[in-house]
Amino acid sequence: MVLLEETDLVDNEQDPLCCVTTQFEPVDLVQLDQAQLHDRDESKVILRTDDVPQSLACLADDYFILEHEGERLQSYRNKYFDSPDLRNYHEHHNQKSRRLKVRYRTYANSDLTFFEIKRSVGGRTVKDRQLSRPPADMLWDPDCSFFLERTGLSPAGLIPSLMVSYERILLVKRDFSERVTIDFDLSFVSFDGEVEVPGLAICEFKQPRLDRRSPAMLAMNRRPQNFSKYCMGLASCDPLLRRNRFKKVFLSLEALDALPTDAHQELV
């Protein structure tokens, strides 16, 4: 068992991001189920992590925050699967109207893993998932059957393509009509490399239909843009991957001084 030093507690209390989360009333996982929104409109904005506290400061009257076992920062690990030629990545890059992502999502705080299929259908996001177990190097048999049932496609040949880890703050509107997630401390690992994205926060709005007047969207005060953690992670780990359509994303990261960096690069 690792004990926190007193100085760690002091630093945590002084962290602006941790401090601002204490202003929100909490909800638990059971209450959060009222806002599943598995068929939804998704919008994303990106900003620097140090801009997040100011954006969140005015939202406590409109949103609850997810708290699990006393923690308001949730740790996530996503293991994505794709074909050997990265078909899902290239279909996203080529802006196919119907595309999907396949992954295992592990919630480190609760030690739960779900198998998830995210499909883009007519501009909307539809997510199917079922409780599973920590991923291996192939899909578990029950998840293969689930994939075939939900997509009509064969899961044969799907292999691990990317591991994504990050911290998340999850807000839910008080009427449970909207979820807002803020992801930061992102890191990516693929067969081609390992990168981190210091200073970047990805804010995602999950709504029944797009509402640009939601309090959270107004507070973030950023223009929504197309952004995929999966695609950005793969393209960052492998500079040889085709990425023409993602040029605007990388220019936005450069403007925020939040470009992906080699995770093993020594700081000078």
Protein backbone atom coordinates (compact mmCIF):
# COMPACT_ATOMS: atom_id res chain seq x y z
CA MET A 1 0.00 0.00 0.00
CA VAL A 2 1.40 3.42 -1.00
CA LEU A 3 0.83 6.22 1.46
CA LEU A 4 0.54 9.82 0.34
CA GLU A 5 3.08 12.19 1.75
CA GLU A 6 1.74 15.32 3.40
CA THR A 7 3.32 17.42 0.64
CA ASP A 8 1.34 15.42 -1.96
CA LEU A 9 -1.90 16.34 -0.22
CA VAL A 10 -0.97 20.00 -0.15
CA ASP A 11 -0.06 19.99 -3.86
CA ASN A 12 -3.34 18.27 -4.73
CA GLU A 13 -5.35 20.87 -2.80
CA GLN A 14 -3.54 23.65 -4.64
CA ASP A 15 -4.09 22.14 -8.09
CA PRO A 16 -6.61 24.48 -9.78
CA LEU A 17 -8.24 21.62 -11.68
CA CYS A 18 -8.80 19.57 -8.52
CA CYS A 19 -10.00 22.64 -6.65
CA VAL A 20 -12.65 23.59 -9.22
CA THR A 21 -14.15 20.07 -9.20
CA THR A 22 -15.00 20.46 -5.50
CA GLN A 23 -17.54 23.15 -6.42
CA PHE A 24 -19.85 20.60 -8.08
CA GLU A 25 -22.46 18.38 -6.48
CA PRO A 26 -21.65 14.72 -7.12
CA VAL A 27 -23.58 11.93 -8.82
CA ASP A 28 -22.71 8.24 -8.70
CA LEU A 29 -22.65 5.64 -11.46
CA VAL A 30 -26.23 4.56 -10.81
CA GLN A 31 -27.54 8.12 -11.16
CA LEU A 32 -25.38 8.65 -14.24
CA ASP A 33 -27.24 5.85 -16.01
CA GLN A 34 -30.13 8.30 -16.46
CA ALA A 35 -28.00 9.97 -19.16
CA GLN A 36 -26.63 7.05 -21.17
CA LEU A 37 -27.06 8.86 -24.53
CA HIS A 38 -25.82 5.91 -26.58
CA ASP A 39 -27.46 7.45 -29.67
CA ARG A 40 -26.31 11.04 -29.71
CA ASP A 41 -24.81 14.06 -31.36
CA GLU A 42 -21.15 14.52 -30.44
CA SER A 43 -19.19 17.77 -30.59
CA LYS A 44 -15.59 18.29 -29.51
CA VAL A 45 -13.45 21.28 -28.69
CA ILE A 46 -9.80 21.34 -27.68
CA LEU A 47 -8.08 23.68 -25.27
CA ARG A 48 -5.12 23.77 -22.96
CA THR A 49 -5.49 21.95 -19.66
CA ASP A 50 -4.66 25.09 -17.71
CA ASP A 51 -7.65 26.85 -19.32
CA VAL A 52 -10.09 24.22 -18.04
CA PRO A 53 -10.54 25.47 -14.43
CA GLN A 54 -11.68 28.90 -15.58
CA SER A 55 -14.14 27.34 -18.05
CA LEU A 56 -15.58 25.01 -15.40
CA ALA A 57 -15.85 27.63 -12.66
CA CYS A 58 -19.24 28.92 -13.85
CA LEU A 59 -20.90 25.53 -14.44
CA ALA A 60 -21.56 24.21 -10.93
CA ASP A 61 -25.16 25.49 -10.96
CA ASP A 62 -25.96 23.64 -14.19
CA TYR A 63 -24.07 20.34 -13.91
CA PHE A 64 -23.27 17.49 -11.53
CA ILE A 65 -19.90 15.75 -11.51
CA LEU A 66 -19.30 12.00 -11.45
CA GLU A 67 -17.72 10.88 -8.20
CA HIS A 68 -16.71 7.25 -7.62
CA GLU A 69 -15.30 6.13 -4.29
CA GLY A 70 -14.42 9.72 -3.45
CA GLU A 71 -12.57 10.36 -6.74
CA ARG A 72 -13.65 13.02 -9.21
CA LEU A 73 -10.85 12.43 -11.70
CA GLN A 74 -11.43 9.10 -13.44
CA SER A 75 -8.65 7.08 -15.10
CA TYR A 76 -9.45 5.42 -18.45
CA ARG A 77 -7.61 2.90 -20.62
CA ASN A 78 -8.89 2.15 -24.12
CA LYS A 79 -7.49 -0.70 -26.20
CA TYR A 80 -8.54 -0.36 -29.84
CA PHE A 81 -8.76 -3.12 -32.41
CA ASP A 82 -8.53 -2.72 -36.16
CA SER A 83 -7.62 -4.72 -39.25
CA PRO A 84 -3.89 -5.18 -40.00
CA ASP A 85 -4.18 -2.47 -42.69
CA LEU A 86 -6.04 -0.14 -40.27
CA ARG A 87 -9.28 -0.11 -42.22
CA ASN A 88 -11.20 1.77 -39.51
CA TYR A 89 -8.51 4.46 -39.36
CA HIS A 90 -8.48 4.97 -43.13
CA GLU A 91 -12.28 5.03 -43.38
CA HIS A 92 -12.30 7.81 -40.80
CA HIS A 93 -9.53 9.63 -42.66
CA ASN A 94 -11.44 9.30 -45.93
CA GLN A 95 -14.59 10.64 -44.25
CA LYS A 96 -16.75 7.62 -44.93
CA SER A 97 -20.28 8.34 -43.76
CA ARG A 98 -20.54 4.94 -42.06
CA ARG A 99 -17.50 3.99 -40.00
CA LEU A 100 -16.78 2.37 -36.68
CA LYS A 101 -14.31 1.97 -33.87
CA VAL A 102 -13.85 -1.19 -31.81
CA ARG A 103 -12.34 -1.08 -28.34
CA TYR A 104 -12.17 -2.33 -24.79
CA ARG A 105 -12.60 0.42 -22.23
CA THR A 106 -11.32 -0.14 -18.72
CA TYR A 107 -12.37 2.18 -15.91
CA ALA A 108 -9.40 2.01 -13.60
CA ASN A 109 -11.23 3.58 -10.64
CA SER A 110 -13.94 0.93 -10.64
CA ASP A 111 -11.90 -1.90 -12.25
CA LEU A 112 -14.64 -2.53 -14.83
CA THR A 113 -14.07 -3.31 -18.53
CA PHE A 114 -16.60 -2.96 -21.34
CA PHE A 115 -16.39 -4.07 -24.95
CA GLU A 116 -17.62 -1.17 -27.10
CA ILE A 117 -18.53 -0.59 -30.73
CA LYS A 118 -18.86 3.05 -31.81
CA ARG A 119 -20.52 3.68 -35.15
CA SER A 120 -20.91 6.92 -37.04
CA VAL A 121 -24.27 6.83 -38.81
CA GLY A 122 -25.49 9.87 -40.69
CA GLY A 123 -23.47 12.24 -38.55
CA ARG A 124 -24.67 10.73 -35.29
CA THR A 125 -22.76 8.46 -32.93
CA VAL A 126 -24.31 5.15 -31.90
CA LYS A 127 -22.54 3.15 -29.21
CA ASP A 128 -23.20 -0.47 -28.29
CA ARG A 129 -21.40 -2.10 -25.41
CA GLN A 130 -21.44 -4.99 -23.01
CA LEU A 131 -19.62 -5.86 -19.82
CA SER A 132 -16.46 -7.82 -20.57
CA ARG A 133 -13.02 -8.48 -19.05
CA PRO A 134 -9.59 -6.90 -19.47
CA PRO A 135 -8.48 -7.22 -23.10
CA ALA A 136 -5.92 -9.64 -24.50
CA ASP A 137 -4.48 -9.77 -28.03
CA MET A 138 -7.76 -10.87 -29.58
CA LEU A 139 -11.45 -10.31 -28.99
CA TRP A 140 -13.03 -12.58 -26.40
CA ASP A 141 -15.54 -15.05 -27.89
CA PRO A 142 -18.66 -13.39 -26.36
CA ASP A 143 -17.47 -10.06 -27.77
CA CYS A 144 -16.94 -11.59 -31.22
CA SER A 145 -20.57 -12.74 -31.17
CA PHE A 146 -21.70 -9.31 -29.97
CA PHE A 147 -19.73 -7.60 -32.74
CA LEU A 148 -21.22 -9.85 -35.44
CA GLU A 149 -24.73 -9.37 -34.07
CA ARG A 150 -24.53 -5.58 -33.93
CA THR A 151 -22.59 -4.87 -37.14
CA GLY A 152 -23.19 -7.88 -39.41
CA LEU A 153 -19.42 -7.94 -39.97
CA SER A 154 -16.97 -10.70 -39.18
CA PRO A 155 -14.59 -9.93 -36.31
CA ALA A 156 -11.97 -12.27 -37.80
CA GLY A 157 -8.65 -10.52 -38.30
CA LEU A 158 -9.20 -7.69 -35.80
CA ILE A 159 -5.98 -7.12 -33.87
CA PRO A 160 -4.81 -4.56 -31.27
CA SER A 161 -3.92 -1.27 -32.92
CA LEU A 162 -3.64 1.37 -30.20
CA MET A 163 -3.70 1.82 -26.42
CA VAL A 164 -4.95 5.17 -25.14
CA SER A 165 -4.73 6.29 -21.50
CA TYR A 166 -6.06 9.50 -20.00
CA GLU A 167 -7.74 11.18 -17.05
CA ARG A 168 -11.35 12.32 -17.33
CA ILE A 169 -13.73 14.72 -15.63
CA LEU A 170 -17.34 13.79 -16.38
CA LEU A 171 -20.15 16.29 -15.96
CA VAL A 172 -23.84 15.64 -16.47
CA LYS A 173 -26.45 18.34 -16.86
CA ARG A 174 -28.84 18.53 -13.93
CA ASP A 175 -31.78 17.43 -16.07
CA PHE A 176 -29.60 14.52 -17.37
CA SER A 177 -29.99 15.68 -20.98
CA GLU A 178 -26.28 16.20 -21.66
CA ARG A 179 -22.93 14.68 -20.75
CA VAL A 180 -19.71 16.66 -20.89
CA THR A 181 -16.33 14.96 -20.67
CA ILE A 182 -12.92 16.62 -20.32
CA ASP A 183 -9.96 14.34 -21.11
CA PHE A 184 -6.35 15.24 -20.34
CA ASP A 185 -2.95 13.68 -19.61
CA LEU A 186 -3.30 11.67 -22.81
CA SER A 187 -0.79 9.03 -23.85
CA PHE A 188 -0.80 6.66 -26.84
CA VAL A 189 1.02 3.39 -27.50
CA SER A 190 1.04 1.52 -30.82
CA PHE A 191 3.37 -0.92 -32.54
CA ASP A 192 5.08 2.11 -34.12
CA GLY A 193 5.76 4.26 -31.11
CA GLU A 194 4.64 5.86 -27.87
CA VAL A 195 3.65 9.51 -27.49
CA GLU A 196 2.21 11.87 -24.90
CA VAL A 197 0.22 15.06 -25.40
CA PRO A 198 1.09 17.39 -22.52
CA GLY A 199 -1.10 20.39 -21.92
CA LEU A 200 -4.02 19.25 -24.08
CA ALA A 201 -7.61 18.91 -22.91
CA ILE A 202 -10.32 17.44 -25.15
CA CYS A 203 -13.83 18.49 -24.21
CA GLU A 204 -16.70 16.49 -25.69
CA PHE A 205 -20.40 17.32 -25.57
CA LYS A 206 -22.79 14.37 -25.85
CA GLN A 207 -26.31 15.60 -26.59
CA PRO A 208 -29.57 14.17 -28.03
CA ARG A 209 -29.18 16.84 -30.72
CA LEU A 210 -26.68 19.65 -31.16
CA ASP A 211 -27.28 22.55 -28.78
CA ARG A 212 -24.62 25.24 -29.16
CA ARG A 213 -26.35 27.23 -26.40
CA SER A 214 -25.71 24.65 -23.70
CA PRO A 215 -23.97 26.25 -20.68
CA ALA A 216 -20.91 24.03 -21.12
CA MET A 217 -20.44 24.87 -24.80
CA LEU A 218 -20.76 28.56 -24.05
CA ALA A 219 -18.29 28.28 -21.15
CA MET A 220 -15.64 26.51 -23.24
CA ASN A 221 -15.94 29.29 -25.84
CA ARG A 222 -14.25 27.28 -28.59
CA ARG A 223 -15.36 26.35 -32.08
CA PRO A 224 -16.23 22.63 -32.36
CA GLN A 225 -14.01 20.64 -34.70
CA ASN A 226 -13.66 17.10 -35.95
CA PHE A 227 -11.31 15.28 -33.64
CA SER A 228 -10.63 11.60 -32.96
CA LYS A 229 -8.34 10.44 -30.18
CA TYR A 230 -7.93 7.15 -32.03
CA CYS A 231 -6.86 8.73 -35.31
CA MET A 232 -4.68 11.40 -33.70
CA GLY A 233 -2.96 8.75 -31.59
CA LEU A 234 -2.19 6.45 -34.51
CA ALA A 235 -1.01 9.30 -36.73
CA SER A 236 1.20 10.63 -33.92
CA CYS A 237 2.78 7.24 -33.25
CA ASP A 238 3.41 6.57 -36.95
CA PRO A 239 4.38 9.69 -38.97
CA LEU A 240 4.22 7.61 -42.17
CA LEU A 241 0.46 7.12 -41.91
CA ARG A 242 -1.63 9.12 -44.33
CA ARG A 243 -2.94 12.14 -42.43
CA ASN A 244 -3.87 14.82 -44.99
CA ARG A 245 -7.41 15.22 -43.62
CA PHE A 246 -6.06 15.64 -40.08
CA LYS A 247 -3.78 18.56 -40.94
CA LYS A 248 -6.15 21.07 -39.31
CA VAL A 249 -6.12 19.04 -36.10
CA PHE A 250 -2.33 19.10 -35.86
CA LEU A 251 -2.24 22.81 -36.70
CA SER A 252 -4.71 23.41 -33.85
CA LEU A 253 -2.48 21.41 -31.50
CA GLU A 254 0.52 23.44 -32.61
CA ALA A 255 -1.37 26.68 -31.95
CA LEU A 256 -2.11 25.44 -28.41
CA ASP A 257 1.54 24.41 -27.94
CA ALA A 258 0.23 20.90 -27.29
CA LEU A 259 1.76 18.76 -30.03
CA PRO A 260 2.31 15.04 -29.28
CA THR A 261 5.84 14.29 -28.06
CA ASP A 262 7.89 11.10 -27.84
CA ALA A 263 7.06 9.60 -24.45
CA HIS A 264 10.69 8.54 -24.00
CA GLN A 265 12.22 11.85 -25.02
CA GLU A 266 14.40 13.27 -22.29
CA LEU A 267 13.61 16.76 -21.15
CA VAL A 268 16.51 19.18 -21.44
